[in-house]
Amino acid sequence: MTSLISTIPCLSGPSVYPFWASSVQSCLAMITMPSSPYNAKDMLTSSTIPSTTDQDEHTRCSSLDSQALGIINSSLAHNILMHGKESAESLWNYLRNKYGSSGPASVFADYQHIRYFQISGNSDPAPQIAELDTLYTRLEGNKCNVPSLIHVITLLSAIPQSWDNLATSILTSQTSLTQLTWDFVSSDIQSEFS
């Protein structure tokens, strides 16, 4: 479970909320209890622990709720930890209401992240490319549409300097801008790493 938790980014404000929330939900969905139809993610949306006369099921759900609460708390910045929430659901709703709504600061933070985005070159670039794609998706979700060609150019400019020949190869192999697509460029980048 420690390796799952380590994949969750620290929630420090609205700019990371969408990625953070998705990561938390993915992690919680994998936490189950033997003989229970529920997982820890279910504790985020239940208005209460499912009412049951089965004391064992009630205990299992309480345990899942405690685990969900602990995982969420472990991924919060120190200034957010003093929230006073005692259930996973109440904490989840509090965080969604406080950090889940996007505003100008969130759009600016995403843009800055895109602007300085770099592929490391030392590890599989697929997760990094997915992160850049997620940033563009969040901008579009906030009514900040960026042309797809700019997405591709940003991806090309994020290639490590040691791979400069790749950018040149990609650009010279295409005869028009319409041939430069996200899928084409990301596939070539991933092939270069392999």
C-alpha atoms as a PDB file:
ATOM      1  CA  MET A   1       0.000   0.000   0.000  1.00  0.00           C
ATOM      2  CA  THR A   2       2.934   2.345   0.604  1.00  0.00           C
ATOM      3  CA  SER A   3       3.820   2.288  -3.093  1.00  0.00           C
ATOM      4  CA  LEU A   4       0.225   3.258  -3.952  1.00  0.00           C
ATOM      5  CA  ILE A   5       0.273   6.177  -1.564  1.00  0.00           C
ATOM      6  CA  SER A   6       3.599   7.408  -2.937  1.00  0.00           C
ATOM      7  CA  THR A   7       1.947   7.981  -6.330  1.00  0.00           C
ATOM      8  CA  ILE A   8      -0.455  10.558  -4.867  1.00  0.00           C
ATOM      9  CA  PRO A   9       0.777  14.148  -5.222  1.00  0.00           C
ATOM     10  CA  CYS A  10       0.567  16.486  -2.258  1.00  0.00           C
ATOM     11  CA  LEU A  11      -2.589  18.615  -2.280  1.00  0.00           C
ATOM     12  CA  SER A  12      -1.299  22.137  -1.740  1.00  0.00           C
ATOM     13  CA  GLY A  13      -3.931  24.156  -3.593  1.00  0.00           C
ATOM     14  CA  PRO A  14      -6.425  24.306  -6.465  1.00  0.00           C
ATOM     15  CA  SER A  15      -3.860  23.893  -9.245  1.00  0.00           C
ATOM     16  CA  VAL A  16      -3.091  20.288  -8.269  1.00  0.00           C
ATOM     17  CA  TYR A  17      -6.582  19.319  -7.121  1.00  0.00           C
ATOM     18  CA  PRO A  18      -7.801  17.522 -10.284  1.00  0.00           C
ATOM     19  CA  PHE A  19      -4.703  15.322 -10.561  1.00  0.00           C
ATOM     20  CA  TRP A  20      -4.631  14.812  -6.784  1.00  0.00           C
ATOM     21  CA  ALA A  21      -8.317  13.816  -6.635  1.00  0.00           C
ATOM     22  CA  SER A  22      -7.933  11.356  -9.489  1.00  0.00           C
ATOM     23  CA  SER A  23      -4.850   9.804  -7.855  1.00  0.00           C
ATOM     24  CA  VAL A  24      -6.578   9.486  -4.469  1.00  0.00           C
ATOM     25  CA  GLN A  25      -9.648   7.854  -6.006  1.00  0.00           C
ATOM     26  CA  SER A  26      -7.519   5.375  -7.931  1.00  0.00           C
ATOM     27  CA  CYS A  27      -5.605   4.438  -4.803  1.00  0.00           C
ATOM     28  CA  LEU A  28      -8.715   4.130  -2.635  1.00  0.00           C
ATOM     29  CA  ALA A  29     -10.466   1.933  -5.208  1.00  0.00           C
ATOM     30  CA  MET A  30      -7.771  -0.698  -4.665  1.00  0.00           C
ATOM     31  CA  ILE A  31      -8.229  -0.896  -0.898  1.00  0.00           C
ATOM     32  CA  THR A  32     -10.717  -3.576   0.022  1.00  0.00           C
ATOM     33  CA  MET A  33     -11.682  -5.679   2.990  1.00  0.00           C
ATOM     34  CA  PRO A  34     -12.236  -9.445   2.834  1.00  0.00           C
ATOM     35  CA  SER A  35     -15.935 -10.386   2.646  1.00  0.00           C
ATOM     36  CA  SER A  36     -17.051  -6.815   1.977  1.00  0.00           C
ATOM     37  CA  PRO A  37     -18.555  -5.563  -1.289  1.00  0.00           C
ATOM     38  CA  TYR A  38     -17.125  -2.084  -0.595  1.00  0.00           C
ATOM     39  CA  ASN A  39     -13.744  -0.475  -1.148  1.00  0.00           C
ATOM     40  CA  ALA A  40     -12.236   2.624   0.445  1.00  0.00           C
ATOM     41  CA  LYS A  41     -13.358   4.817  -2.479  1.00  0.00           C
ATOM     42  CA  ASP A  42     -16.975   3.936  -1.663  1.00  0.00           C
ATOM     43  CA  MET A  43     -16.521   5.708   1.661  1.00  0.00           C
ATOM     44  CA  LEU A  44     -16.200   9.049  -0.198  1.00  0.00           C
ATOM     45  CA  THR A  45     -19.721   8.962  -1.566  1.00  0.00           C
ATOM     46  CA  SER A  46     -21.772   7.130   1.038  1.00  0.00           C
ATOM     47  CA  SER A  47     -23.791   9.572   3.098  1.00  0.00           C
ATOM     48  CA  THR A  48     -23.033   7.333   6.060  1.00  0.00           C
ATOM     49  CA  ILE A  49     -21.462   3.960   6.475  1.00  0.00           C
ATOM     50  CA  PRO A  50     -24.046   1.681   4.879  1.00  0.00           C
ATOM     51  CA  SER A  51     -26.700   0.905   7.438  1.00  0.00           C
ATOM     52  CA  THR A  52     -26.643  -2.724   8.284  1.00  0.00           C
ATOM     53  CA  THR A  53     -27.531  -4.910  11.192  1.00  0.00           C
ATOM     54  CA  ASP A  54     -24.430  -6.958  10.432  1.00  0.00           C
ATOM     55  CA  GLN A  55     -21.881  -5.780  13.010  1.00  0.00           C
ATOM     56  CA  ASP A  56     -19.010  -7.336  11.034  1.00  0.00           C
ATOM     57  CA  GLU A  57     -19.941  -5.356   7.902  1.00  0.00           C
ATOM     58  CA  HIS A  58     -20.234  -2.174   9.957  1.00  0.00           C
ATOM     59  CA  THR A  59     -16.732  -2.825  11.364  1.00  0.00           C
ATOM     60  CA  ARG A  60     -15.311  -3.442   7.880  1.00  0.00           C
ATOM     61  CA  CYS A  61     -16.838  -0.206   6.566  1.00  0.00           C
ATOM     62  CA  SER A  62     -15.489   1.716   9.559  1.00  0.00           C
ATOM     63  CA  SER A  63     -12.052   0.297   8.832  1.00  0.00           C
ATOM     64  CA  LEU A  64     -12.303   1.300   5.145  1.00  0.00           C
ATOM     65  CA  ASP A  65     -13.385   4.802   6.167  1.00  0.00           C
ATOM     66  CA  SER A  66     -10.425   5.111   8.553  1.00  0.00           C
ATOM     67  CA  GLN A  67      -8.028   3.946   5.844  1.00  0.00           C
ATOM     68  CA  ALA A  68      -9.500   6.389   3.313  1.00  0.00           C
ATOM     69  CA  LEU A  69      -9.265   9.231   5.832  1.00  0.00           C
ATOM     70  CA  GLY A  70      -5.649   8.323   6.608  1.00  0.00           C
ATOM     71  CA  ILE A  71      -4.630   8.172   2.958  1.00  0.00           C
ATOM     72  CA  ILE A  72      -6.270  11.508   2.196  1.00  0.00           C
ATOM     73  CA  ASN A  73      -4.650  13.136   5.233  1.00  0.00           C
ATOM     74  CA  SER A  74      -1.240  11.727   4.293  1.00  0.00           C
ATOM     75  CA  SER A  75      -1.413  13.541   0.958  1.00  0.00           C
ATOM     76  CA  LEU A  76      -2.316  16.984   2.306  1.00  0.00           C
ATOM     77  CA  ALA A  77       0.057  19.906   2.691  1.00  0.00           C
ATOM     78  CA  HIS A  78       0.721  20.822   6.332  1.00  0.00           C
ATOM     79  CA  ASN A  79      -1.332  24.019   6.115  1.00  0.00           C
ATOM     80  CA  ILE A  80      -4.412  21.979   5.079  1.00  0.00           C
ATOM     81  CA  LEU A  81      -4.144  19.265   7.741  1.00  0.00           C
ATOM     82  CA  MET A  82      -6.009  21.180  10.476  1.00  0.00           C
ATOM     83  CA  HIS A  83      -9.422  20.594   8.879  1.00  0.00           C
ATOM     84  CA  GLY A  84     -11.225  18.925  11.788  1.00  0.00           C
ATOM     85  CA  LYS A  85     -13.034  16.377   9.598  1.00  0.00           C
ATOM     86  CA  GLU A  86     -13.616  12.940  11.096  1.00  0.00           C
ATOM     87  CA  SER A  87     -14.842  10.908   8.112  1.00  0.00           C
ATOM     88  CA  ALA A  88     -13.472  10.359   4.639  1.00  0.00           C
ATOM     89  CA  GLU A  89     -16.683  11.642   3.078  1.00  0.00           C
ATOM     90  CA  SER A  90     -16.803  14.894   5.045  1.00  0.00           C
ATOM     91  CA  LEU A  91     -13.109  15.550   4.348  1.00  0.00           C
ATOM     92  CA  TRP A  92     -13.531  14.712   0.642  1.00  0.00           C
ATOM     93  CA  ASN A  93     -16.479  17.111   0.296  1.00  0.00           C
ATOM     94  CA  TYR A  94     -14.631  19.841   2.197  1.00  0.00           C
ATOM     95  CA  LEU A  95     -11.555  19.554  -0.040  1.00  0.00           C
ATOM     96  CA  ARG A  96     -13.622  19.392  -3.237  1.00  0.00           C
ATOM     97  CA  ASN A  97     -15.538  22.540  -2.255  1.00  0.00           C
ATOM     98  CA  LYS A  98     -12.416  24.416  -1.198  1.00  0.00           C
ATOM     99  CA  TYR A  99      -9.887  23.361  -3.873  1.00  0.00           C
ATOM    100  CA  GLY A 100     -11.878  21.677  -6.641  1.00  0.00           C
ATOM    101  CA  SER A 101     -13.226  24.815  -8.218  1.00  0.00           C
ATOM    102  CA  SER A 102     -10.965  26.411 -10.776  1.00  0.00           C
ATOM    103  CA  GLY A 103     -10.286  30.070 -11.034  1.00  0.00           C
ATOM    104  CA  PRO A 104      -7.746  32.371 -12.630  1.00  0.00           C
ATOM    105  CA  ALA A 105      -4.998  31.228 -10.249  1.00  0.00           C
ATOM    106  CA  SER A 106      -5.538  27.593 -11.214  1.00  0.00           C
ATOM    107  CA  VAL A 107      -5.484  28.381 -14.943  1.00  0.00           C
ATOM    108  CA  PHE A 108      -2.321  30.438 -14.501  1.00  0.00           C
ATOM    109  CA  ALA A 109      -0.630  27.665 -12.499  1.00  0.00           C
ATOM    110  CA  ASP A 110      -1.481  25.095 -15.183  1.00  0.00           C
ATOM    111  CA  TYR A 111      -0.187  27.416 -17.898  1.00  0.00           C
ATOM    112  CA  GLN A 112       3.064  27.964 -15.989  1.00  0.00           C
ATOM    113  CA  HIS A 113       3.461  24.221 -15.570  1.00  0.00           C
ATOM    114  CA  ILE A 114       2.982  23.744 -19.328  1.00  0.00           C
ATOM    115  CA  ARG A 115       5.340  26.594 -20.136  1.00  0.00           C
ATOM    116  CA  TYR A 116       8.231  25.061 -18.192  1.00  0.00           C
ATOM    117  CA  PHE A 117       7.381  21.420 -18.886  1.00  0.00           C
ATOM    118  CA  GLN A 118      10.347  19.135 -19.686  1.00  0.00           C
ATOM    119  CA  ILE A 119      10.639  15.415 -20.343  1.00  0.00           C
ATOM    120  CA  SER A 120      13.411  14.013 -18.168  1.00  0.00           C
ATOM    121  CA  GLY A 121      14.858  11.516 -20.647  1.00  0.00           C
ATOM    122  CA  ASN A 122      15.906   9.259 -17.751  1.00  0.00           C
ATOM    123  CA  SER A 123      12.649   7.358 -17.452  1.00  0.00           C
ATOM    124  CA  ASP A 124       9.705   6.249 -19.545  1.00  0.00           C
ATOM    125  CA  PRO A 125       8.254   9.440 -21.050  1.00  0.00           C
ATOM    126  CA  ALA A 126       4.681   8.065 -21.281  1.00  0.00           C
ATOM    127  CA  PRO A 127       3.587   9.254 -17.783  1.00  0.00           C
ATOM    128  CA  GLN A 128       5.195  12.650 -18.395  1.00  0.00           C
ATOM    129  CA  ILE A 129       3.440  12.999 -21.762  1.00  0.00           C
ATOM    130  CA  ALA A 130       0.161  12.013 -20.062  1.00  0.00           C
ATOM    131  CA  GLU A 131       0.779  14.704 -17.432  1.00  0.00           C
ATOM    132  CA  LEU A 132       1.188  17.357 -20.132  1.00  0.00           C
ATOM    133  CA  ASP A 133      -1.969  16.127 -21.846  1.00  0.00           C
ATOM    134  CA  THR A 134      -3.832  16.347 -18.524  1.00  0.00           C
ATOM    135  CA  LEU A 135      -2.687  19.943 -18.090  1.00  0.00           C
ATOM    136  CA  TYR A 136      -4.081  20.863 -21.510  1.00  0.00           C
ATOM    137  CA  THR A 137      -7.326  19.037 -20.717  1.00  0.00           C
ATOM    138  CA  ARG A 138      -7.673  21.035 -17.495  1.00  0.00           C
ATOM    139  CA  LEU A 139      -7.086  24.307 -19.354  1.00  0.00           C
ATOM    140  CA  GLU A 140      -9.764  23.353 -21.879  1.00  0.00           C
ATOM    141  CA  GLY A 141     -12.106  22.418 -19.031  1.00  0.00           C
ATOM    142  CA  ASN A 142     -11.633  25.964 -17.759  1.00  0.00           C
ATOM    143  CA  LYS A 143     -12.578  27.447 -21.150  1.00  0.00           C
ATOM    144  CA  CYS A 144      -8.943  28.216 -21.997  1.00  0.00           C
ATOM    145  CA  ASN A 145      -8.609  26.582 -25.393  1.00  0.00           C
ATOM    146  CA  VAL A 146      -5.130  26.169 -26.817  1.00  0.00           C
ATOM    147  CA  PRO A 147      -4.757  25.114 -30.479  1.00  0.00           C
ATOM    148  CA  SER A 148      -3.691  21.487 -30.925  1.00  0.00           C
ATOM    149  CA  LEU A 149      -0.629  22.569 -32.912  1.00  0.00           C
ATOM    150  CA  ILE A 150       0.597  24.458 -29.828  1.00  0.00           C
ATOM    151  CA  HIS A 151       0.121  21.241 -27.803  1.00  0.00           C
ATOM    152  CA  VAL A 152       2.402  19.435 -30.259  1.00  0.00           C
ATOM    153  CA  ILE A 153       4.986  22.222 -30.398  1.00  0.00           C
ATOM    154  CA  THR A 154       5.099  22.316 -26.604  1.00  0.00           C
ATOM    155  CA  LEU A 155       5.627  18.554 -26.542  1.00  0.00           C
ATOM    156  CA  LEU A 156       8.451  18.858 -29.079  1.00  0.00           C
ATOM    157  CA  SER A 157      10.087  21.638 -27.087  1.00  0.00           C
ATOM    158  CA  ALA A 158       9.935  19.466 -23.950  1.00  0.00           C
ATOM    159  CA  ILE A 159      12.228  16.844 -25.488  1.00  0.00           C
ATOM    160  CA  PRO A 160      15.521  16.591 -23.567  1.00  0.00           C
ATOM    161  CA  GLN A 161      18.471  18.367 -25.196  1.00  0.00           C
ATOM    162  CA  SER A 162      20.214  15.039 -25.598  1.00  0.00           C
ATOM    163  CA  TRP A 163      17.358  14.045 -27.933  1.00  0.00           C
ATOM    164  CA  ASP A 164      17.523  17.172 -30.136  1.00  0.00           C
ATOM    165  CA  ASN A 165      18.101  14.995 -33.193  1.00  0.00           C
ATOM    166  CA  LEU A 166      14.634  13.498 -32.564  1.00  0.00           C
ATOM    167  CA  ALA A 167      12.902  16.879 -32.816  1.00  0.00           C
ATOM    168  CA  THR A 168      14.779  17.616 -36.033  1.00  0.00           C
ATOM    169  CA  SER A 169      13.886  14.204 -37.431  1.00  0.00           C
ATOM    170  CA  ILE A 170      10.193  14.628 -36.598  1.00  0.00           C
ATOM    171  CA  LEU A 171      10.023  18.118 -38.077  1.00  0.00           C
ATOM    172  CA  THR A 172      11.829  17.235 -41.298  1.00  0.00           C
ATOM    173  CA  SER A 173       9.774  14.074 -41.857  1.00  0.00           C
ATOM    174  CA  GLN A 174       6.557  16.069 -42.111  1.00  0.00           C
ATOM    175  CA  THR A 175       5.666  18.260 -45.081  1.00  0.00           C
ATOM    176  CA  SER A 176       2.799  20.207 -43.485  1.00  0.00           C
ATOM    177  CA  LEU A 177       1.699  21.394 -40.070  1.00  0.00           C
ATOM    178  CA  THR A 178      -1.430  19.238 -40.229  1.00  0.00           C
ATOM    179  CA  GLN A 179       0.784  16.141 -40.150  1.00  0.00           C
ATOM    180  CA  LEU A 180       2.217  17.152 -36.781  1.00  0.00           C
ATOM    181  CA  THR A 181      -0.207  15.468 -34.423  1.00  0.00           C
ATOM    182  CA  TRP A 182      -0.030  14.705 -30.724  1.00  0.00           C
ATOM    183  CA  ASP A 183      -0.236  10.956 -31.358  1.00  0.00           C
ATOM    184  CA  PHE A 184       2.515  11.024 -33.996  1.00  0.00           C
ATOM    185  CA  VAL A 185       4.947  13.047 -31.878  1.00  0.00           C
ATOM    186  CA  SER A 186       4.254  11.246 -28.586  1.00  0.00           C
ATOM    187  CA  SER A 187       4.676   7.883 -30.331  1.00  0.00           C
ATOM    188  CA  ASP A 188       8.060   8.949 -31.740  1.00  0.00           C
ATOM    189  CA  ILE A 189       9.180  10.208 -28.327  1.00  0.00           C
ATOM    190  CA  GLN A 190       8.221   6.928 -26.690  1.00  0.00           C
ATOM    191  CA  SER A 191       9.984   4.969 -29.436  1.00  0.00           C
ATOM    192  CA  GLU A 192      13.153   6.997 -28.851  1.00  0.00           C
ATOM    193  CA  PHE A 193      13.140   5.991 -25.188  1.00  0.00           C
ATOM    194  CA  SER A 194      12.558   2.275 -25.899  1.00  0.00           C
END
